[in-house]
Protein backbone atom coordinates (compact mmCIF):
# COMPACT_ATOMS: atom_id res chain seq x y z
CA MET A 1 -1.03 -7.43 -6.87
CA GLU A 2 -1.07 -8.14 -10.59
CA GLY A 3 1.51 -10.89 -10.17
CA LEU A 4 -0.32 -12.53 -7.28
CA LEU A 5 -3.56 -12.69 -9.24
CA LEU A 6 -1.93 -13.83 -12.49
CA PHE A 7 0.14 -16.53 -10.77
CA ASP A 8 -2.95 -17.86 -9.00
CA LEU A 9 -4.75 -18.38 -12.30
CA SER A 10 -2.63 -21.43 -13.19
CA ARG A 11 -3.31 -23.01 -9.79
CA LEU A 12 -7.05 -22.31 -10.07
CA GLU A 13 -7.36 -23.21 -13.76
CA GLN A 14 -9.89 -26.04 -13.26
CA MET A 15 -12.40 -23.60 -11.72
CA LEU A 16 -11.99 -20.74 -14.21
CA PRO A 17 -13.62 -19.86 -17.51
CA PRO A 18 -11.27 -20.16 -20.52
CA GLU A 19 -10.93 -16.37 -20.79
CA LEU A 20 -9.12 -16.22 -17.45
CA ASN A 21 -5.73 -17.64 -18.31
CA VAL A 22 -2.27 -16.14 -18.12
CA ALA A 23 -1.75 -16.15 -21.89
CA ASN A 24 -4.87 -14.00 -22.39
CA LEU A 25 -4.17 -11.61 -19.53
CA ALA A 26 -0.39 -11.14 -19.40
CA GLY A 27 0.70 -7.81 -20.81
CA ARG A 28 -2.59 -6.01 -20.15
CA THR A 29 -2.70 -2.78 -18.21
CA THR A 30 -3.49 -2.93 -14.51
CA ARG A 31 -6.96 -1.50 -15.07
CA ASP A 32 -7.72 -3.81 -18.01
CA LEU A 33 -6.56 -6.85 -16.06
CA GLY A 34 -8.88 -5.84 -13.21
CA GLU A 35 -11.78 -5.33 -15.58
CA GLN A 36 -11.26 -8.78 -17.15
CA LEU A 37 -11.15 -10.47 -13.74
CA VAL A 38 -14.36 -8.76 -12.62
CA LYS A 39 -16.10 -9.46 -15.93
CA HIS A 40 -15.37 -13.20 -15.90
CA ALA A 41 -15.32 -13.94 -12.14
CA THR A 42 -19.01 -14.82 -12.10
CA GLN A 43 -18.29 -17.70 -14.51
CA CYS A 44 -16.03 -19.50 -12.01
CA THR A 45 -17.27 -22.84 -10.76
CA ASP A 46 -16.26 -22.05 -7.15
CA ARG A 47 -17.89 -19.16 -5.27
CA GLN A 48 -14.83 -18.43 -3.13
CA VAL A 49 -12.60 -18.26 -6.20
CA ALA A 50 -15.13 -15.98 -7.90
CA ALA A 51 -15.21 -13.69 -4.86
CA TYR A 52 -11.39 -13.63 -4.69
CA LEU A 53 -11.03 -12.73 -8.37
CA GLU A 54 -13.77 -10.10 -8.21
CA ALA A 55 -12.21 -8.48 -5.13
CA GLY A 56 -8.76 -8.62 -6.72
CA GLY A 57 -10.08 -7.19 -9.98
CA ASN A 58 -11.83 -4.33 -8.20
CA ALA A 59 -8.66 -3.59 -6.22
CA LEU A 60 -6.63 -3.37 -9.45
CA ILE A 61 -9.18 -1.01 -10.99
CA GLU A 62 -9.10 1.20 -7.90
CA VAL A 63 -5.31 1.35 -7.53
CA ALA A 64 -4.46 1.73 -11.24
CA PRO A 65 -4.41 5.56 -11.43
CA GLN A 66 -2.19 6.03 -8.35
CA ARG A 67 0.04 3.09 -9.32
CA ASN A 68 0.56 4.54 -12.78
CA ALA A 69 1.29 8.01 -11.43
CA VAL A 70 4.02 6.67 -9.13
CA LEU A 71 5.56 4.17 -11.56
CA HIS A 72 5.66 6.59 -14.48
CA ALA A 73 6.91 9.58 -12.48
CA ARG A 74 10.47 10.90 -12.75
CA PRO A 75 12.76 12.38 -10.12
CA ALA A 76 12.63 16.18 -9.95
CA THR A 77 13.42 19.00 -7.56
CA ASP A 78 10.49 20.82 -5.98
CA ASP A 79 10.34 24.51 -5.04
CA LEU A 80 11.94 23.74 -1.66
CA GLY A 81 14.91 21.94 -3.22
CA ARG A 82 13.73 18.44 -2.25
CA THR A 83 13.94 15.54 -4.66
CA ARG A 84 10.45 14.23 -5.33
CA LEU A 85 8.75 12.08 -7.90
CA TYR A 86 7.19 14.24 -10.61
CA ARG A 87 4.38 13.07 -12.86
CA TRP A 88 4.21 15.07 -16.02
CA ARG A 89 1.34 14.08 -18.27
CA LEU A 90 0.05 17.06 -20.17
CA PRO A 91 -2.08 18.97 -19.50
CA GLU A 92 -1.30 18.12 -15.86
CA ALA A 93 1.92 18.02 -13.89
CA HIS A 94 2.39 17.40 -10.19
CA PHE A 95 4.76 16.18 -7.52
CA ILE A 96 4.14 12.96 -5.60
CA ASP A 97 5.03 12.85 -1.92
CA ASP A 98 6.65 10.01 0.03
CA THR A 99 3.26 8.36 0.64
CA GLY A 100 2.39 8.26 -3.07
CA SER A 101 -0.12 11.08 -2.74
CA ILE A 102 -0.36 13.80 -5.35
CA VAL A 103 0.91 17.15 -4.14
CA SER A 104 -0.60 20.27 -5.72
CA SER A 105 1.66 21.63 -8.38
CA SER A 106 2.78 25.22 -8.40
CA ALA A 107 2.13 27.56 -11.31
CA SER A 108 5.71 27.03 -12.47
CA THR A 109 5.13 23.29 -12.97
CA ASN A 110 1.60 23.29 -14.38
CA PHE A 111 1.89 24.22 -18.03
CA GLY A 112 -1.77 23.60 -18.82
CA PRO A 113 -3.26 22.58 -22.16
CA SER A 114 -1.72 25.47 -24.10
CA TRP A 115 1.87 24.29 -23.50
CA THR A 116 3.59 23.08 -26.67
CA ARG A 117 7.06 21.88 -27.60
CA SER A 118 7.91 25.13 -29.36
CA ASP A 119 7.27 27.32 -26.31
CA HIS A 120 8.56 25.07 -23.51
CA PRO A 121 10.25 26.85 -20.58
CA LEU A 122 13.50 24.88 -20.72
CA PRO A 123 16.64 26.50 -22.14
CA ARG A 124 17.67 25.34 -25.57
């Protein structure tokens, strides 16, 4: 989605405020890109373009947490021996199923806020 919206900016440049250009927006996080599109969409000279950018911006804001969980997850083996994506961002850790949904983590994978490097459960 990010690419579609960013690539459309060049084509729509004549109808956009100066803040909405690829140079200003490339490299931003998904959520930040969405926020910038929503913030500046009302300044577009075409209502349909404004509505498109606002809808696209809101979609990016909404999908950002799940997108990040899936893209930043690592392969791991769950308690049943299946390979699953595993998102480990302290203080939370959880598996992600084949649909991209978060699966409740077991006590053995949720280290909580007290977990530190010095007392990690992995062998040394």
